[in-house]
Amino acid sequence: MPNPKRRHSQQRSAKRRTHYKASENTLTVDKTTGETHVRHRAHVSEGKLYYKGQVVAEKAPLKA
């Protein structure tokens, strides 16, 4: 397997890495609850788990 003959400088590595950027999450407002959430992720509202505007799971009441 080929390897570099000499070490690459820090500046050369930094030039290559300048194109890696963090991107912001896309937010959406849910039609049924009106909450803002990250797209394509389930979110909790009033103790219920919603995904694509439908209830996926409900929080069970605690037993004493």
C-alpha atoms as a PDB file:
ATOM      1  CA  MET A   1       0.000   0.000   0.000  1.00  0.00           C
ATOM      2  CA  PRO A   2       1.493   3.368  -0.969  1.00  0.00           C
ATOM      3  CA  ASN A   3       2.456   5.798   1.757  1.00  0.00           C
ATOM      4  CA  PRO A   4       3.640   9.395   1.493  1.00  0.00           C
ATOM      5  CA  LYS A   5       7.414   9.695   1.274  1.00  0.00           C
ATOM      6  CA  ARG A   6       7.459  12.878   3.352  1.00  0.00           C
ATOM      7  CA  ARG A   7       5.240  14.356   6.048  1.00  0.00           C
ATOM      8  CA  HIS A   8       2.503  16.768   4.957  1.00  0.00           C
ATOM      9  CA  SER A   9       2.621  20.204   6.550  1.00  0.00           C
ATOM     10  CA  GLN A  10      -0.075  21.433   8.963  1.00  0.00           C
ATOM     11  CA  GLN A  11      -1.008  24.159   6.490  1.00  0.00           C
ATOM     12  CA  ARG A  12      -1.630  21.587   3.768  1.00  0.00           C
ATOM     13  CA  SER A  13      -3.925  19.594   6.070  1.00  0.00           C
ATOM     14  CA  ALA A  14      -5.780  22.756   7.103  1.00  0.00           C
ATOM     15  CA  LYS A  15      -6.397  23.690   3.456  1.00  0.00           C
ATOM     16  CA  ARG A  16      -8.021  20.317   2.877  1.00  0.00           C
ATOM     17  CA  ARG A  17     -10.204  20.613   5.981  1.00  0.00           C
ATOM     18  CA  THR A  18     -11.604  24.082   5.211  1.00  0.00           C
ATOM     19  CA  HIS A  19     -14.461  22.528   3.227  1.00  0.00           C
ATOM     20  CA  TYR A  20     -15.857  20.610   6.222  1.00  0.00           C
ATOM     21  CA  LYS A  21     -18.597  22.819   7.632  1.00  0.00           C
ATOM     22  CA  ALA A  22     -21.259  22.258  10.268  1.00  0.00           C
ATOM     23  CA  SER A  23     -24.793  22.757   8.996  1.00  0.00           C
ATOM     24  CA  GLU A  24     -27.864  23.907  10.902  1.00  0.00           C
ATOM     25  CA  ASN A  25     -30.694  21.495  11.623  1.00  0.00           C
ATOM     26  CA  THR A  26     -33.834  22.045   9.565  1.00  0.00           C
ATOM     27  CA  LEU A  27     -36.798  22.880  11.791  1.00  0.00           C
ATOM     28  CA  THR A  28     -40.465  22.220  11.018  1.00  0.00           C
ATOM     29  CA  VAL A  29     -43.746  23.155  12.707  1.00  0.00           C
ATOM     30  CA  ASP A  30     -45.948  20.127  13.422  1.00  0.00           C
ATOM     31  CA  LYS A  31     -49.472  20.527  11.989  1.00  0.00           C
ATOM     32  CA  THR A  32     -51.276  18.720  14.814  1.00  0.00           C
ATOM     33  CA  THR A  33     -49.451  20.097  17.874  1.00  0.00           C
ATOM     34  CA  GLY A  34     -48.011  23.341  16.500  1.00  0.00           C
ATOM     35  CA  GLU A  35     -44.595  22.596  18.035  1.00  0.00           C
ATOM     36  CA  THR A  36     -41.311  23.327  16.333  1.00  0.00           C
ATOM     37  CA  HIS A  37     -39.091  20.243  16.002  1.00  0.00           C
ATOM     38  CA  VAL A  38     -36.194  18.830  13.991  1.00  0.00           C
ATOM     39  CA  ARG A  39     -37.352  17.284  10.709  1.00  0.00           C
ATOM     40  CA  HIS A  40     -37.625  13.491  10.422  1.00  0.00           C
ATOM     41  CA  ARG A  41     -37.366  13.053  14.195  1.00  0.00           C
ATOM     42  CA  ALA A  42     -40.016  12.088  16.728  1.00  0.00           C
ATOM     43  CA  HIS A  43     -40.822  14.741  19.356  1.00  0.00           C
ATOM     44  CA  VAL A  44     -42.627  14.763  22.713  1.00  0.00           C
ATOM     45  CA  SER A  45     -45.617  17.014  23.309  1.00  0.00           C
ATOM     46  CA  GLU A  46     -47.821  16.809  26.418  1.00  0.00           C
ATOM     47  CA  GLY A  47     -46.483  13.375  27.359  1.00  0.00           C
ATOM     48  CA  LYS A  48     -47.104  11.880  23.904  1.00  0.00           C
ATOM     49  CA  LEU A  49     -44.526  10.942  21.304  1.00  0.00           C
ATOM     50  CA  TYR A  50     -45.400  12.271  17.831  1.00  0.00           C
ATOM     51  CA  TYR A  51     -43.932  11.340  14.448  1.00  0.00           C
ATOM     52  CA  LYS A  52     -45.316  12.579  11.110  1.00  0.00           C
ATOM     53  CA  GLY A  53     -48.264  14.163  12.925  1.00  0.00           C
ATOM     54  CA  GLN A  54     -49.412  10.903  14.520  1.00  0.00           C
ATOM     55  CA  VAL A  55     -49.153   9.631  18.094  1.00  0.00           C
ATOM     56  CA  VAL A  56     -46.557   6.879  18.203  1.00  0.00           C
ATOM     57  CA  ALA A  57     -46.464   6.264  21.964  1.00  0.00           C
ATOM     58  CA  GLU A  58     -48.038   7.615  25.135  1.00  0.00           C
ATOM     59  CA  LYS A  59     -46.406   7.932  28.513  1.00  0.00           C
ATOM     60  CA  ALA A  60     -47.882   5.373  30.907  1.00  0.00           C
ATOM     61  CA  PRO A  61     -49.061   6.718  34.304  1.00  0.00           C
ATOM     62  CA  LEU A  62     -46.805   5.947  37.269  1.00  0.00           C
ATOM     63  CA  LYS A  63     -48.060   3.296  39.676  1.00  0.00           C
ATOM     64  CA  ALA A  64     -47.687   4.044  43.378  1.00  0.00           C
END
